[in-house]
Amino acid sequence: TPFGAEVLKMSGAADKKIIALDKNAALEKVQAGGVL
């Protein structure tokens, strides 16, 4: 893969589009408890 990046397949994503991100800076997950 380019630059050693991990490639993830996302069904339903738009064609002819590739998203690149830094997993250490892009997103925060917020959860209210675990599996309820």
PDB file of all heavy atoms in Angstrom:
ATOM      1  N   THR A   1       0.821  -1.203   0.000  1.00  0.00           N
ATOM      2  CA  THR A   1       0.000   0.000   0.000  1.00  0.00           C
ATOM      3  C   THR A   1       0.855   1.252   0.000  1.00  0.00           C
ATOM      4  O   THR A   1       2.023   1.213   0.386  1.00  0.00           O
ATOM      5  CB  THR A   1      -0.924   0.025   1.234  1.00  0.00           C
ATOM      6  OG1 THR A   1      -0.102   0.080   2.406  1.00  0.00           O
ATOM      7  CG2 THR A   1      -1.789  -1.219   1.284  1.00  0.00           C
ATOM      8  N   PRO A   2       0.288   2.364  -0.437  1.00  0.00           N
ATOM      9  CA  PRO A   2       1.046   3.616  -0.456  1.00  0.00           C
ATOM     10  C   PRO A   2       1.525   3.996   0.938  1.00  0.00           C
ATOM     11  O   PRO A   2       0.727   4.062   1.876  1.00  0.00           O
ATOM     12  CB  PRO A   2       0.041   4.633  -0.996  1.00  0.00           C
ATOM     13  CG  PRO A   2      -0.983   3.818  -1.709  1.00  0.00           C
ATOM     14  CD  PRO A   2      -1.066   2.535  -0.959  1.00  0.00           C
ATOM     15  N   PHE A   3       2.821   4.192   1.076  1.00  0.00           N
ATOM     16  CA  PHE A   3       3.412   4.741   2.297  1.00  0.00           C
ATOM     17  C   PHE A   3       3.177   3.850   3.515  1.00  0.00           C
ATOM     18  O   PHE A   3       3.221   4.305   4.647  1.00  0.00           O
ATOM     19  CB  PHE A   3       2.875   6.152   2.559  1.00  0.00           C
ATOM     20  CG  PHE A   3       2.542   6.897   1.308  1.00  0.00           C
ATOM     21  CD1 PHE A   3       1.248   7.256   1.002  1.00  0.00           C
ATOM     22  CD2 PHE A   3       3.541   7.213   0.393  1.00  0.00           C
ATOM     23  CE1 PHE A   3       0.940   7.912  -0.172  1.00  0.00           C
ATOM     24  CE2 PHE A   3       3.240   7.874  -0.793  1.00  0.00           C
ATOM     25  CZ  PHE A   3       1.942   8.228  -1.082  1.00  0.00           C
ATOM     26  N   GLY A   4       2.893   2.570   3.296  1.00  0.00           N
ATOM     27  CA  GLY A   4       2.675   1.645   4.400  1.00  0.00           C
ATOM     28  C   GLY A   4       1.349   1.822   5.106  1.00  0.00           C
ATOM     29  O   GLY A   4       1.136   1.263   6.176  1.00  0.00           O
ATOM     30  N   ALA A   5       0.440   2.581   4.516  1.00  0.00           N
ATOM     31  CA  ALA A   5      -0.861   2.827   5.146  1.00  0.00           C
ATOM     32  C   ALA A   5      -1.718   1.559   5.114  1.00  0.00           C
ATOM     33  O   ALA A   5      -1.617   0.744   4.200  1.00  0.00           O
ATOM     34  CB  ALA A   5      -1.586   3.963   4.434  1.00  0.00           C
ATOM     35  N   GLU A   6      -2.559   1.395   6.115  1.00  0.00           N
ATOM     36  CA  GLU A   6      -3.498   0.287   6.136  1.00  0.00           C
ATOM     37  C   GLU A   6      -4.697   0.638   5.270  1.00  0.00           C
ATOM     38  O   GLU A   6      -5.232   1.745   5.343  1.00  0.00           O
ATOM     39  CB  GLU A   6      -3.946  -0.011   7.559  1.00  0.00           C
ATOM     40  CG  GLU A   6      -4.838  -1.213   7.660  1.00  0.00           C
ATOM     41  CD  GLU A   6      -4.578  -2.033   8.903  1.00  0.00           C
ATOM     42  OE1 GLU A   6      -3.927  -1.520   9.831  1.00  0.00           O
ATOM     43  OE2 GLU A   6      -5.035  -3.185   8.946  1.00  0.00           O
ATOM     44  N   VAL A   7      -5.123  -0.307   4.450  1.00  0.00           N
ATOM     45  CA  VAL A   7      -6.229  -0.064   3.525  1.00  0.00           C
ATOM     46  C   VAL A   7      -7.482  -0.738   4.057  1.00  0.00           C
ATOM     47  O   VAL A   7      -7.475  -1.931   4.372  1.00  0.00           O
ATOM     48  CB  VAL A   7      -5.896  -0.594   2.123  1.00  0.00           C
ATOM     49  CG1 VAL A   7      -7.110  -0.470   1.205  1.00  0.00           C
ATOM     50  CG2 VAL A   7      -4.723   0.178   1.526  1.00  0.00           C
ATOM     51  N   LEU A   8      -8.575   0.023   4.174  1.00  0.00           N
ATOM     52  CA  LEU A   8      -9.850  -0.495   4.671  1.00  0.00           C
ATOM     53  C   LEU A   8     -10.908  -0.395   3.579  1.00  0.00           C
ATOM     54  O   LEU A   8     -11.042   0.644   2.925  1.00  0.00           O
ATOM     55  CB  LEU A   8     -10.311   0.301   5.898  1.00  0.00           C
ATOM     56  CG  LEU A   8      -9.353   0.351   7.087  1.00  0.00           C
ATOM     57  CD1 LEU A   8      -9.964   1.177   8.203  1.00  0.00           C
ATOM     58  CD2 LEU A   8      -9.012  -1.050   7.579  1.00  0.00           C
ATOM     59  N   LYS A   9     -11.644  -1.473   3.413  1.00  0.00           N
ATOM     60  CA  LYS A   9     -12.733  -1.491   2.427  1.00  0.00           C
ATOM     61  C   LYS A   9     -14.020  -1.039   3.097  1.00  0.00           C
ATOM     62  O   LYS A   9     -14.387  -1.538   4.157  1.00  0.00           O
ATOM     63  CB  LYS A   9     -12.888  -2.897   1.856  1.00  0.00           C
ATOM     64  CG  LYS A   9     -14.015  -3.040   0.860  1.00  0.00           C
ATOM     65  CD  LYS A   9     -13.991  -4.424   0.216  1.00  0.00           C
ATOM     66  CE  LYS A   9     -14.228  -5.519   1.217  1.00  0.00           C
ATOM     67  NZ  LYS A   9     -14.301  -6.853   0.591  1.00  0.00           N
ATOM     68  N   MET A  10     -14.703  -0.101   2.472  1.00  0.00           N
ATOM     69  CA  MET A  10     -15.950   0.417   3.023  1.00  0.00           C
ATOM     70  C   MET A  10     -17.061   0.261   1.996  1.00  0.00           C
ATOM     71  O   MET A  10     -17.158   1.020   1.037  1.00  0.00           O
ATOM     72  CB  MET A  10     -15.806   1.892   3.419  1.00  0.00           C
ATOM     73  CG  MET A  10     -17.058   2.478   4.036  1.00  0.00           C
ATOM     74  SD  MET A  10     -16.847   4.224   4.482  1.00  0.00           S
ATOM     75  CE  MET A  10     -18.520   4.608   5.028  1.00  0.00           C
ATOM     76  N   SER A  11     -17.888  -0.752   2.172  1.00  0.00           N
ATOM     77  CA  SER A  11     -19.012  -0.964   1.269  1.00  0.00           C
ATOM     78  C   SER A  11     -19.986   0.201   1.392  1.00  0.00           C
ATOM     79  O   SER A  11     -20.265   0.675   2.488  1.00  0.00           O
ATOM     80  CB  SER A  11     -19.722  -2.278   1.602  1.00  0.00           C
ATOM     81  OG  SER A  11     -18.839  -3.367   1.476  1.00  0.00           O
ATOM     82  N   GLY A  12     -20.478   0.657   0.271  1.00  0.00           N
ATOM     83  CA  GLY A  12     -21.413   1.771   0.282  1.00  0.00           C
ATOM     84  C   GLY A  12     -20.761   3.124   0.158  1.00  0.00           C
ATOM     85  O   GLY A  12     -21.451   4.143   0.032  1.00  0.00           O
ATOM     86  N   ALA A  13     -19.434   3.183   0.202  1.00  0.00           N
ATOM     87  CA  ALA A  13     -18.749   4.466   0.023  1.00  0.00           C
ATOM     88  C   ALA A  13     -18.854   4.898  -1.432  1.00  0.00           C
ATOM     89  O   ALA A  13     -19.081   4.085  -2.334  1.00  0.00           O
ATOM     90  CB  ALA A  13     -17.283   4.342   0.433  1.00  0.00           C
ATOM     91  N   ALA A  14     -18.686   6.183  -1.665  1.00  0.00           N
ATOM     92  CA  ALA A  14     -18.774   6.712  -3.019  1.00  0.00           C
ATOM     93  C   ALA A  14     -17.647   6.161  -3.890  1.00  0.00           C
ATOM     94  O   ALA A  14     -16.522   5.959  -3.420  1.00  0.00           O
ATOM     95  CB  ALA A  14     -18.695   8.239  -2.988  1.00  0.00           C
ATOM     96  N   ASP A  15     -17.970   5.889  -5.150  1.00  0.00           N
ATOM     97  CA  ASP A  15     -16.946   5.437  -6.085  1.00  0.00           C
ATOM     98  C   ASP A  15     -15.981   6.575  -6.389  1.00  0.00           C
ATOM     99  O   ASP A  15     -16.300   7.753  -6.222  1.00  0.00           O
ATOM    100  CB  ASP A  15     -17.590   4.951  -7.386  1.00  0.00           C
ATOM    101  CG  ASP A  15     -18.421   3.684  -7.178  1.00  0.00           C
ATOM    102  OD1 ASP A  15     -18.076   2.917  -6.258  1.00  0.00           O
ATOM    103  OD2 ASP A  15     -19.395   3.484  -7.921  1.00  0.00           O
ATOM    104  N   LYS A  16     -14.790   6.191  -6.852  1.00  0.00           N
ATOM    105  CA  LYS A  16     -13.764   7.148  -7.289  1.00  0.00           C
ATOM    106  C   LYS A  16     -13.419   8.173  -6.207  1.00  0.00           C
ATOM    107  O   LYS A  16     -13.277   9.368  -6.458  1.00  0.00           O
ATOM    108  CB  LYS A  16     -14.202   7.851  -8.588  1.00  0.00           C
ATOM    109  CG  LYS A  16     -14.368   6.896  -9.766  1.00  0.00           C
ATOM    110  CD  LYS A  16     -14.628   7.635 -11.054  1.00  0.00           C
ATOM    111  CE  LYS A  16     -14.720   6.664 -12.226  1.00  0.00           C
ATOM    112  NZ  LYS A  16     -13.460   5.904 -12.441  1.00  0.00           N
ATOM    113  N   LYS A  17     -13.348   7.662  -4.988  1.00  0.00           N
ATOM    114  CA  LYS A  17     -12.963   8.519  -3.871  1.00  0.00           C
ATOM    115  C   LYS A  17     -12.164   7.703  -2.863  1.00  0.00           C
ATOM    116  O   LYS A  17     -12.543   6.578  -2.526  1.00  0.00           O
ATOM    117  CB  LYS A  17     -14.195   9.123  -3.195  1.00  0.00           C
ATOM    118  CG  LYS A  17     -13.851  10.117  -2.096  1.00  0.00           C
ATOM    119  CD  LYS A  17     -15.080  10.858  -1.612  1.00  0.00           C
ATOM    120  CE  LYS A  17     -15.938   9.973  -0.736  1.00  0.00           C
ATOM    121  NZ  LYS A  17     -17.028  10.732  -0.087  1.00  0.00           N
ATOM    122  N   ILE A  18     -11.053   8.250  -2.408  1.00  0.00           N
ATOM    123  CA  ILE A  18     -10.211   7.595  -1.419  1.00  0.00           C
ATOM    124  C   ILE A  18      -9.967   8.578  -0.274  1.00  0.00           C
ATOM    125  O   ILE A  18      -9.579   9.720  -0.509  1.00  0.00           O
ATOM    126  CB  ILE A  18      -8.865   7.155  -2.020  1.00  0.00           C
ATOM    127  CG1 ILE A  18      -9.093   6.138  -3.149  1.00  0.00           C
ATOM    128  CG2 ILE A  18      -7.954   6.563  -0.954  1.00  0.00           C
ATOM    129  CD1 ILE A  18      -7.838   5.807  -3.934  1.00  0.00           C
ATOM    130  N   ILE A  19     -10.218   8.134   0.935  1.00  0.00           N
ATOM    131  CA  ILE A  19     -10.015   8.972   2.117  1.00  0.00           C
ATOM    132  C   ILE A  19      -8.717   8.548   2.800  1.00  0.00           C
ATOM    133  O   ILE A  19      -8.491   7.362   3.044  1.00  0.00           O
ATOM    134  CB  ILE A  19     -11.189   8.842   3.099  1.00  0.00           C
ATOM    135  CG1 ILE A  19     -12.488   9.326   2.451  1.00  0.00           C
ATOM    136  CG2 ILE A  19     -10.916   9.628   4.382  1.00  0.00           C
ATOM    137  CD1 ILE A  19     -13.720   9.094   3.305  1.00  0.00           C
ATOM    138  N   ALA A  20      -7.869   9.514   3.081  1.00  0.00           N
ATOM    139  CA  ALA A  20      -6.639   9.265   3.829  1.00  0.00           C
ATOM    140  C   ALA A  20      -6.737   9.988   5.163  1.00  0.00           C
ATOM    141  O   ALA A  20      -7.224  11.120   5.231  1.00  0.00           O
ATOM    142  CB  ALA A  20      -5.428   9.769   3.044  1.00  0.00           C
ATOM    143  N   LEU A  21      -6.279   9.340   6.233  1.00  0.00           N
ATOM    144  CA  LEU A  21      -6.324   9.988   7.543  1.00  0.00           C
ATOM    145  C   LEU A  21      -5.190   9.506   8.423  1.00  0.00           C
ATOM    146  O   LEU A  21      -4.566   8.470   8.165  1.00  0.00           O
ATOM    147  CB  LEU A  21      -7.675   9.757   8.228  1.00  0.00           C
ATOM    148  CG  LEU A  21      -8.141   8.325   8.538  1.00  0.00           C
ATOM    149  CD1 LEU A  21      -7.535   7.804   9.835  1.00  0.00           C
ATOM    150  CD2 LEU A  21      -9.659   8.274   8.653  1.00  0.00           C
ATOM    151  N   ASP A  22      -4.947  10.266   9.471  1.00  0.00           N
ATOM    152  CA  ASP A  22      -4.006   9.890  10.516  1.00  0.00           C
ATOM    153  C   ASP A  22      -4.842   9.395  11.692  1.00  0.00           C
ATOM    154  O   ASP A  22      -5.530  10.181  12.349  1.00  0.00           O
ATOM    155  CB  ASP A  22      -3.149  11.092  10.924  1.00  0.00           C
ATOM    156  CG  ASP A  22      -2.057  10.719  11.930  1.00  0.00           C
ATOM    157  OD1 ASP A  22      -2.181   9.658  12.577  1.00  0.00           O
ATOM    158  OD2 ASP A  22      -1.106  11.502  12.080  1.00  0.00           O
ATOM    159  N   LYS A  23      -4.810   8.091  11.952  1.00  0.00           N
ATOM    160  CA  LYS A  23      -5.667   7.516  12.991  1.00  0.00           C
ATOM    161  C   LYS A  23      -5.330   8.059  14.379  1.00  0.00           C
ATOM    162  O   LYS A  23      -6.139   7.925  15.306  1.00  0.00           O
ATOM    163  CB  LYS A  23      -5.543   5.993  12.998  1.00  0.00           C
ATOM    164  CG  LYS A  23      -4.196   5.470  13.471  1.00  0.00           C
ATOM    165  CD  LYS A  23      -4.176   3.958  13.553  1.00  0.00           C
ATOM    166  CE  LYS A  23      -2.849   3.456  14.107  1.00  0.00           C
ATOM    167  NZ  LYS A  23      -2.808   1.989  14.203  1.00  0.00           N
ATOM    168  N   ASN A  24      -4.173   8.651  14.534  1.00  0.00           N
ATOM    169  CA  ASN A  24      -3.754   9.170  15.836  1.00  0.00           C
ATOM    170  C   ASN A  24      -4.215  10.599  16.086  1.00  0.00           C
ATOM    171  O   ASN A  24      -3.893  11.177  17.125  1.00  0.00           O
ATOM    172  CB  ASN A  24      -2.230   9.101  15.951  1.00  0.00           C
ATOM    173  CG  ASN A  24      -1.712   7.676  15.845  1.00  0.00           C
ATOM    174  OD1 ASN A  24      -2.194   6.789  16.531  1.00  0.00           O
ATOM    175  ND2 ASN A  24      -0.744   7.462  14.969  1.00  0.00           N
ATOM    176  N   ALA A  25      -4.951  11.188  15.138  1.00  0.00           N
ATOM    177  CA  ALA A  25      -5.339  12.589  15.300  1.00  0.00           C
ATOM    178  C   ALA A  25      -6.721  12.925  14.763  1.00  0.00           C
ATOM    179  O   ALA A  25      -7.224  14.018  15.027  1.00  0.00           O
ATOM    180  CB  ALA A  25      -4.312  13.492  14.595  1.00  0.00           C
ATOM    181  N   ALA A  26      -7.359  12.022  14.047  1.00  0.00           N
ATOM    182  CA  ALA A  26      -8.562  12.392  13.302  1.00  0.00           C
ATOM    183  C   ALA A  26      -9.854  12.338  14.104  1.00  0.00           C
ATOM    184  O   ALA A  26     -10.645  13.282  14.087  1.00  0.00           O
ATOM    185  CB  ALA A  26      -8.690  11.511  12.060  1.00  0.00           C
ATOM    186  N   LEU A  27     -10.110  11.236  14.816  1.00  0.00           N
ATOM    187  CA  LEU A  27     -11.439  11.013  15.367  1.00  0.00           C
ATOM    188  C   LEU A  27     -11.416  10.586  16.832  1.00  0.00           C
ATOM    189  O   LEU A  27     -10.496   9.915  17.287  1.00  0.00           O
ATOM    190  CB  LEU A  27     -12.158   9.911  14.568  1.00  0.00           C
ATOM    191  CG  LEU A  27     -12.806  10.293  13.240  1.00  0.00           C
ATOM    192  CD1 LEU A  27     -13.192   9.037  12.480  1.00  0.00           C
ATOM    193  CD2 LEU A  27     -14.016  11.177  13.452  1.00  0.00           C
ATOM    194  N   GLU A  28     -12.470  10.989  17.534  1.00  0.00           N
ATOM    195  CA  GLU A  28     -12.723  10.548  18.905  1.00  0.00           C
ATOM    196  C   GLU A  28     -14.016   9.739  18.917  1.00  0.00           C
ATOM    197  O   GLU A  28     -15.011  10.123  18.304  1.00  0.00           O
ATOM    198  CB  GLU A  28     -12.881  11.755  19.827  1.00  0.00           C
ATOM    199  CG  GLU A  28     -13.302  11.409  21.240  1.00  0.00           C
ATOM    200  CD  GLU A  28     -13.718  12.638  22.058  1.00  0.00           C
ATOM    201  OE1 GLU A  28     -14.022  13.682  21.450  1.00  0.00           O
ATOM    202  OE2 GLU A  28     -13.737  12.539  23.296  1.00  0.00           O
ATOM    203  N   LYS A  29     -13.982   8.609  19.601  1.00  0.00           N
ATOM    204  CA  LYS A  29     -15.195   7.817  19.806  1.00  0.00           C
ATOM    205  C   LYS A  29     -15.727   8.108  21.201  1.00  0.00           C
ATOM    206  O   LYS A  29     -14.981   8.089  22.178  1.00  0.00           O
ATOM    207  CB  LYS A  29     -14.891   6.320  19.667  1.00  0.00           C
ATOM    208  CG  LYS A  29     -16.098   5.424  19.938  1.00  0.00           C
ATOM    209  CD  LYS A  29     -15.704   3.956  19.860  1.00  0.00           C
ATOM    210  CE  LYS A  29     -16.882   3.037  20.195  1.00  0.00           C
ATOM    211  NZ  LYS A  29     -16.495   1.608  20.167  1.00  0.00           N
ATOM    212  N   VAL A  30     -17.013   8.370  21.295  1.00  0.00           N
ATOM    213  CA  VAL A  30     -17.668   8.634  22.578  1.00  0.00           C
ATOM    214  C   VAL A  30     -18.707   7.544  22.799  1.00  0.00           C
ATOM    215  O   VAL A  30     -19.522   7.270  21.924  1.00  0.00           O
ATOM    216  CB  VAL A  30     -18.351  10.016  22.588  1.00  0.00           C
ATOM    217  CG1 VAL A  30     -18.971  10.290  23.944  1.00  0.00           C
ATOM    218  CG2 VAL A  30     -17.367  11.112  22.206  1.00  0.00           C
ATOM    219  N   GLN A  31     -18.677   6.908  23.964  1.00  0.00           N
ATOM    220  CA  GLN A  31     -19.657   5.857  24.223  1.00  0.00           C
ATOM    221  C   GLN A  31     -20.222   5.966  25.635  1.00  0.00           C
ATOM    222  O   GLN A  31     -19.516   6.306  26.576  1.00  0.00           O
ATOM    223  CB  GLN A  31     -19.047   4.475  24.001  1.00  0.00           C
ATOM    224  CG  GLN A  31     -17.878   4.116  24.906  1.00  0.00           C
ATOM    225  CD  GLN A  31     -17.288   2.757  24.579  1.00  0.00           C
ATOM    226  OE1 GLN A  31     -17.470   2.237  23.483  1.00  0.00           O
ATOM    227  NE2 GLN A  31     -16.594   2.161  25.536  1.00  0.00           N
ATOM    228  N   ALA A  32     -21.516   5.700  25.732  1.00  0.00           N
ATOM    229  CA  ALA A  32     -22.197   5.692  27.022  1.00  0.00           C
ATOM    230  C   ALA A  32     -22.361   4.240  27.439  1.00  0.00           C
ATOM    231  O   ALA A  32     -23.349   3.584  27.130  1.00  0.00           O
ATOM    232  CB  ALA A  32     -23.556   6.385  26.908  1.00  0.00           C
ATOM    233  N   GLY A  33     -21.349   3.714  28.138  1.00  0.00           N
ATOM    234  CA  GLY A  33     -21.354   2.314  28.517  1.00  0.00           C
ATOM    235  C   GLY A  33     -20.925   1.427  27.361  1.00  0.00           C
ATOM    236  O   GLY A  33     -20.622   1.897  26.269  1.00  0.00           O
ATOM    237  N   GLY A  34     -20.905   0.132  27.600  1.00  0.00           N
ATOM    238  CA  GLY A  34     -20.527  -0.823  26.562  1.00  0.00           C
ATOM    239  C   GLY A  34     -21.753  -1.429  25.919  1.00  0.00           C
ATOM    240  O   GLY A  34     -22.701  -0.726  25.571  1.00  0.00           O
ATOM    241  N   VAL A  35     -21.751  -2.745  25.764  1.00  0.00           N
ATOM    242  CA  VAL A  35     -22.918  -3.454  25.248  1.00  0.00           C
ATOM    243  C   VAL A  35     -23.963  -3.531  26.357  1.00  0.00           C
ATOM    244  O   VAL A  35     -23.693  -4.025  27.454  1.00  0.00           O
ATOM    245  CB  VAL A  35     -22.538  -4.872  24.767  1.00  0.00           C
ATOM    246  CG1 VAL A  35     -23.785  -5.644  24.355  1.00  0.00           C
ATOM    247  CG2 VAL A  35     -21.546  -4.793  23.618  1.00  0.00           C
ATOM    248  N   LEU A  36     -25.162  -3.029  26.084  1.00  0.00           N
ATOM    249  CA  LEU A  36     -26.228  -2.976  27.081  1.00  0.00           C
ATOM    250  C   LEU A  36     -27.301  -4.012  26.765  1.00  0.00           C
ATOM    251  O   LEU A  36     -27.690  -4.171  25.603  1.00  0.00           O
ATOM    252  CB  LEU A  36     -26.849  -1.577  27.114  1.00  0.00           C
ATOM    253  CG  LEU A  36     -25.875  -0.400  27.293  1.00  0.00           C
ATOM    254  CD1 LEU A  36     -26.620   0.927  27.189  1.00  0.00           C
ATOM    255  CD2 LEU A  36     -25.151  -0.511  28.627  1.00  0.00           C
TER     256      LEU A  36
END
